[in-house]
Amino acid sequence: METVILILALLFAAFVALGVYAGVKAVGAAKRGVDRTISQARRTVEDTTLRARSLGQVGVAGELAQLRLRLRTSMKATQDALRAGAAEDASLRESIGLFERLSVHGRELDEELRRLEREPDRGRTAERLPQLRERVERITHSAESLRWAARDRARSFAEDDLESLAAQIDVEAGALRDWSRGEPVWPGPAAEPAQPTAAQEPWAPSAPASRPSPPAGGRDEREPGDPGPGTGAQEPRAIPARDPRLSTGYSWDKTTRPEPTN
């Protein structure tokens, strides 16, 4: 009985621990989702503010807003392109690692530009603008190189796949147009073999020798049963039976008279 109670207690503790763990994971996922949503909303609001400043302000403040907007837009586009490509091409993971290292420099430069926006000394800020512009150019150029390389790679794979698919479709279309293959071809009547000739077959019997011509006396010296020349070998004809009605009467053929009886 104590063993059963111990097993039930262990099962209850396991279920409670599992429930707590699932609850913590759910809360963490929800918190991360909320933080991501807040970050996206804050970024959207900040980008809209920078776009408005770059268009509405002139001088140092407007140029700083343009530099920040250009930096943030380029980094965001590169990040989206690499993440979308990494889902289909595993070789882009190394590119994502390089972009993460580049993002560190991009965030540092963005924070520096943000601090300079609140700097009251506009003259000193104007002196640093060429250096800041060059740094922004280098970071955006590197980000654009990664982005366009990933897009060119994806386009090359798509073109290769399309070319292979077009070749397969051409082969299939040619097979469909060749309708003569689909109809059965019935064999025609076999030609009769040619009659062998004596010249072609050495085993054929030789032609009968010509009979010698009759002597000058006009008598044909041949056997009584031998057929004449040119008649050919003929089988003997059967002799028909004599018809008794057509028989000729002879003197010795007399009917016997009956003897008279006394």
Protein backbone atom coordinates (compact mmCIF):
# COMPACT_ATOMS: atom_id res chain seq x y z
CA MET A 1 0.00 0.00 0.00
CA GLU A 2 2.84 2.37 0.87
CA THR A 3 4.45 1.63 -2.54
CA VAL A 4 1.27 2.59 -4.38
CA ILE A 5 1.00 5.85 -2.42
CA LEU A 6 4.65 6.63 -3.18
CA ILE A 7 4.14 5.99 -6.93
CA LEU A 8 1.07 8.20 -6.99
CA ALA A 9 2.94 10.97 -5.17
CA LEU A 10 5.80 10.78 -7.66
CA LEU A 11 3.39 10.93 -10.59
CA PHE A 12 1.62 13.94 -9.07
CA ALA A 13 4.94 15.73 -8.52
CA ALA A 14 5.99 14.96 -12.12
CA PHE A 15 2.73 16.33 -13.51
CA VAL A 16 3.06 19.47 -11.38
CA ALA A 17 6.65 20.03 -12.52
CA LEU A 18 5.66 19.49 -16.14
CA GLY A 19 2.80 21.96 -15.79
CA VAL A 20 5.07 24.57 -14.22
CA TYR A 21 7.65 24.11 -16.97
CA ALA A 22 5.03 24.43 -19.70
CA GLY A 23 3.62 27.53 -18.04
CA VAL A 24 7.04 29.16 -17.81
CA LYS A 25 7.75 28.40 -21.47
CA ALA A 26 4.39 29.79 -22.52
CA VAL A 27 4.90 32.95 -20.50
CA GLY A 28 8.40 33.36 -21.95
CA ALA A 29 7.13 32.90 -25.51
CA ALA A 30 4.33 35.39 -24.90
CA LYS A 31 6.78 37.87 -23.41
CA ARG A 32 9.13 37.52 -26.35
CA GLY A 33 6.21 38.01 -28.73
CA VAL A 34 5.14 41.14 -26.90
CA ASP A 35 8.70 42.48 -26.85
CA ARG A 36 9.05 41.77 -30.57
CA THR A 37 5.80 43.55 -31.29
CA ILE A 38 6.82 46.54 -29.18
CA SER A 39 10.23 46.69 -30.88
CA GLN A 40 8.66 46.57 -34.33
CA ALA A 41 6.17 49.26 -33.41
CA ARG A 42 8.92 51.43 -31.92
CA ARG A 43 11.09 50.94 -35.01
CA THR A 44 8.20 51.83 -37.28
CA VAL A 45 7.46 54.97 -35.33
CA GLU A 46 11.12 55.94 -35.27
CA ASP A 47 11.54 55.36 -39.01
CA THR A 48 8.47 57.45 -39.72
CA THR A 49 9.87 60.22 -37.50
CA LEU A 50 13.26 60.09 -39.24
CA ARG A 51 11.58 60.24 -42.67
CA ALA A 52 9.61 63.26 -41.57
CA ARG A 53 12.75 64.99 -40.20
CA SER A 54 14.77 64.25 -43.32
CA LEU A 55 12.08 65.87 -45.46
CA GLY A 56 11.04 68.70 -43.12
CA GLN A 57 14.35 69.81 -41.59
CA VAL A 58 17.42 71.28 -43.23
CA GLY A 59 20.98 71.62 -42.14
CA VAL A 60 22.75 69.30 -39.71
CA ALA A 61 19.57 67.86 -38.15
CA GLY A 62 18.11 66.93 -41.53
CA GLU A 63 21.36 65.31 -42.71
CA LEU A 64 21.67 63.30 -39.52
CA ALA A 65 18.11 62.04 -40.00
CA GLN A 66 18.90 61.05 -43.59
CA LEU A 67 22.02 59.15 -42.49
CA ARG A 68 20.12 57.25 -39.80
CA LEU A 69 17.23 56.46 -42.15
CA ARG A 70 19.57 55.18 -44.84
CA LEU A 71 21.50 53.03 -42.37
CA ARG A 72 18.44 51.51 -40.76
CA THR A 73 16.66 50.84 -44.06
CA SER A 74 19.69 49.08 -45.57
CA MET A 75 20.31 46.92 -42.49
CA LYS A 76 16.64 45.93 -42.21
CA ALA A 77 16.39 44.97 -45.90
CA THR A 78 19.58 42.88 -45.70
CA GLN A 79 18.39 41.11 -42.57
CA ASP A 80 15.06 40.17 -44.14
CA ALA A 81 16.72 38.97 -47.37
CA LEU A 82 19.25 36.75 -45.55
CA ARG A 83 16.68 35.21 -43.22
CA ALA A 84 14.31 34.48 -46.10
CA GLY A 85 17.12 32.89 -48.13
CA ALA A 86 18.50 30.84 -45.23
CA ALA A 87 15.19 28.97 -44.99
CA GLU A 88 15.87 27.46 -48.43
CA ASP A 89 19.68 27.67 -48.73
CA ALA A 90 21.73 26.44 -45.79
CA SER A 91 24.93 28.01 -47.16
CA LEU A 92 23.62 31.46 -46.18
CA ARG A 93 24.11 30.72 -42.50
CA GLU A 94 27.71 31.92 -42.72
CA SER A 95 26.48 35.09 -44.39
CA ILE A 96 24.05 35.61 -41.53
CA GLY A 97 26.96 35.30 -39.09
CA LEU A 98 28.86 38.00 -40.99
CA PHE A 99 25.79 40.20 -41.02
CA GLU A 100 25.41 39.85 -37.27
CA ARG A 101 28.94 41.15 -36.84
CA LEU A 102 28.16 44.01 -39.22
CA SER A 103 24.97 44.76 -37.28
CA VAL A 104 27.04 45.49 -34.17
CA HIS A 105 28.84 48.29 -35.99
CA GLY A 106 25.56 49.48 -37.47
CA ARG A 107 23.87 49.73 -34.06
CA GLU A 108 26.86 51.59 -32.60
CA LEU A 109 26.79 54.11 -35.45
CA ASP A 110 23.02 54.54 -35.12
CA GLU A 111 23.35 55.25 -31.40
CA GLU A 112 26.09 57.79 -32.11
CA LEU A 113 23.94 59.54 -34.69
CA ARG A 114 21.04 59.60 -32.23
CA ARG A 115 23.21 61.28 -29.60
CA LEU A 116 24.40 63.85 -32.12
CA GLU A 117 20.77 64.75 -32.89
CA ARG A 118 20.47 66.03 -29.31
CA GLU A 119 23.87 67.74 -29.36
CA PRO A 120 23.45 71.49 -28.90
CA ASP A 121 26.79 72.33 -30.55
CA ARG A 122 25.84 72.18 -34.22
CA GLY A 123 29.22 73.42 -35.36
CA ARG A 124 31.10 70.53 -33.82
CA THR A 125 28.51 68.11 -35.15
CA ALA A 126 28.92 69.55 -38.66
CA GLU A 127 32.67 68.92 -38.46
CA ARG A 128 32.07 65.23 -37.82
CA LEU A 129 29.52 64.78 -40.59
CA PRO A 130 32.06 63.73 -43.33
CA GLN A 131 33.45 61.02 -41.08
CA LEU A 132 29.96 59.81 -40.13
CA ARG A 133 28.89 59.86 -43.77
CA GLU A 134 31.87 57.68 -44.73
CA ARG A 135 31.10 55.16 -41.99
CA VAL A 136 27.49 54.95 -43.06
CA GLU A 137 28.61 54.43 -46.65
CA ARG A 138 30.94 51.58 -45.71
CA ILE A 139 28.37 49.78 -43.58
CA THR A 140 25.55 50.15 -46.10
CA HIS A 141 27.84 49.05 -48.94
CA SER A 142 28.75 45.85 -47.05
CA ALA A 143 25.12 45.19 -46.21
CA GLU A 144 24.03 45.74 -49.81
CA SER A 145 26.79 43.41 -51.03
CA LEU A 146 25.46 40.61 -48.83
CA ARG A 147 21.87 41.33 -49.82
CA TRP A 148 22.46 41.40 -53.56
CA ALA A 149 24.73 38.36 -53.41
CA ALA A 150 21.97 36.39 -51.67
CA ARG A 151 19.41 37.57 -54.23
CA ASP A 152 21.69 36.73 -57.16
CA ARG A 153 22.28 33.27 -55.72
CA ALA A 154 18.55 32.66 -55.33
CA ARG A 155 17.90 33.95 -58.86
CA SER A 156 20.64 31.70 -60.28
CA PHE A 157 19.11 28.66 -58.61
CA ALA A 158 15.68 29.64 -59.92
CA GLU A 159 17.00 30.06 -63.48
CA ASP A 160 18.74 26.67 -63.36
CA ASP A 161 15.58 25.03 -62.09
CA LEU A 162 13.51 26.79 -64.76
CA GLU A 163 15.94 25.72 -67.52
CA SER A 164 15.83 22.10 -66.39
CA LEU A 165 12.05 22.22 -66.16
CA ALA A 166 11.79 23.75 -69.66
CA ALA A 167 13.98 20.97 -71.08
CA GLN A 168 11.80 18.31 -69.46
CA ILE A 169 8.65 20.00 -70.78
CA ASP A 170 10.12 20.12 -74.31
CA VAL A 171 10.87 16.40 -74.17
CA GLU A 172 7.37 15.63 -72.92
CA ALA A 173 5.79 17.88 -75.56
CA GLY A 174 7.77 16.13 -78.28
CA ALA A 175 6.63 12.76 -76.99
CA LEU A 176 3.00 13.91 -76.98
CA ARG A 177 3.24 15.23 -80.56
CA ASP A 178 4.68 11.95 -81.81
CA TRP A 179 1.25 10.31 -82.04
CA SER A 180 2.53 7.66 -84.47
CA ARG A 181 4.11 5.87 -81.57
CA GLY A 182 0.77 5.49 -79.88
CA GLU A 183 -0.81 3.59 -82.79
CA PRO A 184 -0.03 -0.14 -83.00
CA VAL A 185 1.75 -1.25 -86.14
CA TRP A 186 0.24 -4.52 -87.36
CA PRO A 187 2.52 -6.76 -89.42
CA GLY A 188 1.53 -7.22 -93.06
CA PRO A 189 1.03 -10.59 -94.79
CA ALA A 190 4.21 -12.51 -95.14
CA ALA A 191 5.53 -12.68 -98.69
CA GLU A 192 5.52 -16.12 -100.27
CA PRO A 193 9.00 -17.53 -100.68
CA ALA A 194 10.26 -17.63 -104.20
CA GLN A 195 10.31 -20.97 -105.96
CA PRO A 196 13.81 -22.33 -105.95
CA THR A 197 15.43 -22.81 -109.33
CA ALA A 198 17.84 -25.41 -110.43
CA ALA A 199 20.58 -22.86 -110.67
CA GLN A 200 20.04 -21.68 -107.09
CA GLU A 201 19.66 -25.10 -105.43
CA PRO A 202 22.23 -27.69 -106.35
CA TRP A 203 20.19 -30.43 -104.74
CA ALA A 204 17.24 -29.99 -107.16
CA PRO A 205 16.78 -32.85 -109.66
CA SER A 206 18.15 -32.22 -113.08
CA ALA A 207 15.81 -31.69 -116.04
CA PRO A 208 14.94 -34.86 -118.03
CA ALA A 209 17.15 -35.40 -121.02
CA SER A 210 15.59 -34.87 -124.43
CA ARG A 211 14.59 -38.06 -126.23
CA PRO A 212 16.38 -38.88 -129.44
CA SER A 213 14.53 -38.11 -132.66
CA PRO A 214 12.98 -41.04 -134.56
CA PRO A 215 15.02 -42.63 -137.34
CA ALA A 216 14.68 -41.54 -140.95
CA GLY A 217 12.44 -44.48 -141.87
CA GLY A 218 9.56 -42.84 -140.03
CA ARG A 219 9.11 -45.65 -137.49
CA ASP A 220 9.37 -44.89 -133.91
CA GLU A 221 11.32 -47.57 -132.14
CA ARG A 222 9.76 -47.49 -128.73
CA GLU A 223 8.07 -49.90 -126.44
CA PRO A 224 4.39 -50.61 -126.91
CA GLY A 225 3.62 -49.21 -123.48
CA ASP A 226 5.93 -46.22 -123.90
CA PRO A 227 3.96 -43.01 -124.59
CA GLY A 228 4.88 -40.96 -127.56
CA PRO A 229 7.00 -37.87 -127.36
CA GLY A 230 5.31 -34.75 -126.21
CA THR A 231 2.40 -36.60 -124.59
CA GLY A 232 3.97 -36.76 -121.21
CA ALA A 233 3.65 -39.54 -118.68
CA GLN A 234 -0.07 -40.35 -118.24
CA GLU A 235 -1.75 -42.80 -115.91
CA PRO A 236 -3.67 -45.76 -117.63
CA ARG A 237 -7.41 -45.16 -117.96
CA ALA A 238 -9.87 -47.66 -116.45
CA ILE A 239 -11.84 -49.89 -118.89
CA PRO A 240 -15.63 -49.35 -118.40
CA ALA A 241 -17.94 -52.36 -117.88
CA ARG A 242 -19.80 -53.76 -120.92
CA ASP A 243 -23.43 -52.86 -121.27
CA PRO A 244 -25.47 -56.11 -121.72
CA ARG A 245 -28.03 -54.32 -123.90
CA LEU A 246 -25.43 -53.43 -126.45
CA SER A 247 -23.84 -56.86 -126.57
CA THR A 248 -23.76 -58.64 -129.94
CA GLY A 249 -25.45 -62.01 -130.06
CA TYR A 250 -23.53 -65.04 -131.22
CA SER A 251 -24.76 -68.33 -132.63
CA TRP A 252 -23.60 -70.32 -129.72
CA ASP A 253 -25.35 -68.05 -127.30
CA LYS A 254 -28.71 -69.91 -127.23
CA THR A 255 -31.14 -70.12 -124.44
CA THR A 256 -31.79 -73.59 -123.05
CA ARG A 257 -35.26 -74.91 -123.78
CA PRO A 258 -37.08 -76.71 -121.02
CA GLU A 259 -37.53 -80.52 -121.67
CA PRO A 260 -41.12 -81.69 -122.03
CA THR A 261 -42.46 -83.80 -119.31
CA ASN A 262 -44.38 -86.95 -120.13
